[in-house]
Protein backbone atom coordinates (compact mmCIF):
# COMPACT_ATOMS: atom_id res chain seq x y z
CA MET A 1 -13.26 -0.44 -9.59
CA THR A 2 -17.05 -0.29 -9.59
CA SER A 3 -19.74 -0.64 -6.96
CA SER A 4 -23.41 -1.52 -7.21
CA THR A 5 -26.28 0.46 -5.76
CA ALA A 6 -29.48 -0.97 -4.29
CA ALA A 7 -31.19 -0.44 -7.65
CA GLY A 8 -28.55 -2.58 -9.38
CA VAL A 9 -26.90 0.35 -11.21
CA THR A 10 -23.13 0.05 -11.52
CA THR A 11 -21.23 3.27 -10.73
CA PRO A 12 -17.54 4.04 -10.43
CA ALA A 13 -16.31 3.61 -6.89
CA ALA A 14 -15.15 6.73 -5.10
CA SER A 15 -11.40 7.16 -4.99
CA SER A 16 -9.73 7.07 -1.62
CA THR A 17 -7.43 9.92 -2.67
CA PRO A 18 -8.85 13.43 -2.90
CA THR A 19 -8.76 15.11 -6.30
CA THR A 20 -7.53 18.63 -6.70
CA GLY A 21 -8.83 19.20 -10.22
CA ARG A 22 -5.27 19.60 -11.48
CA ARG A 23 -3.89 17.26 -14.10
CA GLY A 24 -0.37 16.42 -15.17
CA GLY A 25 0.84 18.01 -18.38
CA SER A 26 1.91 14.95 -20.36
CA GLY A 27 -0.67 12.41 -19.30
CA ALA A 28 2.10 9.82 -19.18
CA GLY A 29 1.93 9.42 -15.43
CA GLY A 30 5.11 11.39 -14.90
CA SER A 31 7.34 8.46 -15.79
CA THR A 32 8.86 10.11 -18.86
CA ARG A 33 11.48 12.82 -18.56
CA PRO A 34 10.89 16.12 -20.34
CA SER A 35 12.90 16.28 -23.56
CA CYS A 36 13.37 18.65 -26.48
CA GLN A 37 10.76 18.38 -29.24
CA ALA A 38 13.30 18.84 -32.05
CA ASP A 39 13.71 15.73 -34.21
CA GLY A 40 16.60 13.57 -32.99
CA CYS A 41 17.32 15.70 -29.91
CA ARG A 42 17.63 13.61 -26.78
CA VAL A 43 18.47 16.41 -24.33
CA ASP A 44 17.00 15.73 -20.90
CA LEU A 45 15.32 18.96 -19.74
CA THR A 46 14.91 17.83 -16.12
CA ASP A 47 17.63 20.17 -14.85
CA SER A 48 17.03 22.92 -17.44
CA LYS A 49 15.48 26.32 -16.78
CA HIS A 50 11.72 26.39 -16.22
CA TYR A 51 11.20 28.18 -19.58
CA HIS A 52 12.87 25.36 -21.52
CA ARG A 53 10.98 22.64 -19.63
CA ARG A 54 7.68 24.47 -20.08
CA HIS A 55 8.09 24.80 -23.85
CA LYS A 56 9.88 21.45 -24.29
CA ILE A 57 12.86 22.92 -26.09
CA CYS A 58 16.55 22.81 -25.23
CA GLU A 59 18.58 26.01 -25.12
CA HIS A 60 20.44 25.11 -28.33
CA HIS A 61 17.28 24.61 -30.41
CA ALA A 62 15.56 27.66 -28.87
CA LYS A 63 18.26 29.82 -30.45
CA ALA A 64 18.86 27.86 -33.66
CA THR A 65 17.90 29.42 -37.00
CA VAL A 66 16.68 26.09 -38.43
CA VAL A 67 15.25 23.17 -36.44
CA LEU A 68 13.73 19.98 -37.81
CA VAL A 69 10.39 19.36 -36.05
CA SER A 70 8.08 16.60 -37.29
CA GLY A 71 10.14 16.45 -40.46
CA GLN A 72 9.69 20.16 -41.28
CA GLN A 73 12.27 22.94 -41.12
CA GLN A 74 11.07 25.44 -38.54
CA ARG A 75 12.29 28.06 -36.09
CA PHE A 76 11.29 28.69 -32.48
CA CYS A 77 9.65 32.11 -32.06
CA GLN A 78 10.75 33.79 -28.84
CA GLN A 79 7.56 35.90 -28.76
CA CYS A 80 5.00 33.14 -29.41
CA SER A 81 7.05 30.41 -27.67
CA ARG A 82 6.25 27.98 -30.47
CA PHE A 83 7.67 26.73 -33.74
CA HIS A 84 6.74 28.38 -37.05
CA GLU A 85 7.71 27.70 -40.65
CA LEU A 86 10.83 29.56 -41.75
CA SER A 87 8.76 31.66 -44.18
CA GLU A 88 7.17 33.45 -41.20
CA PHE A 89 10.49 35.01 -40.16
CA ASP A 90 12.63 37.79 -41.64
CA ASP A 91 16.25 36.76 -42.23
CA THR A 92 17.66 35.31 -38.99
CA LYS A 93 15.27 37.05 -36.60
CA ARG A 94 13.92 34.93 -33.74
CA SER A 95 10.46 36.53 -33.65
CA CYS A 96 7.87 35.92 -36.37
CA ARG A 97 6.74 38.81 -38.59
CA ARG A 98 3.26 38.92 -37.06
CA ARG A 99 4.57 39.43 -33.53
CA LEU A 100 7.26 41.88 -34.66
CA ALA A 101 4.62 43.93 -36.49
CA GLY A 102 2.58 44.22 -33.29
CA HIS A 103 5.69 45.11 -31.29
CA ASN A 104 6.74 47.79 -33.79
CA GLU A 105 3.21 49.21 -33.90
CA ARG A 106 3.17 49.61 -30.12
CA ARG A 107 6.60 51.29 -30.23
CA ARG A 108 5.49 53.72 -32.96
CA LYS A 109 2.30 54.49 -31.07
CA SER A 110 4.04 55.29 -27.78
CA SER A 111 6.80 57.33 -29.45
CA SER A 112 4.26 59.42 -31.40
CA ASP A 113 2.37 60.03 -28.12
CA LEU A 114 5.56 61.33 -26.56
CA HIS A 115 6.24 63.67 -29.50
CA ARG A 116 2.69 65.09 -29.32
CA GLU A 117 2.99 65.77 -25.58
CA GLY A 118 6.28 67.59 -26.08
CA SER A 119 4.83 69.98 -28.68
CA ASN A 120 2.19 71.51 -26.39
């Protein structure tokens, strides 16, 4: 809907509903139900845990070692909360190498700090 001003300029009409500045996540008007993003998975995530709805992945595919997503074999990383190519994982681990390296570095750092404090 548009309205005209005295100068003849057409502007969008003001909405009768206040805006909060917050938008819906899917942009689909909320009419579609959240579902798993794995190819061929039709699991309705409406009653799933918040984590699975937020990341659009069912519990089964979150823990699977191989998932087909957009035609590519991938795995869901529990640290990044996203899919990566299988080459980014060691064996059957569920965290990618990059995130595991950071995790292990932090563990080594804190354990070496503890050993130094104990030798005073």
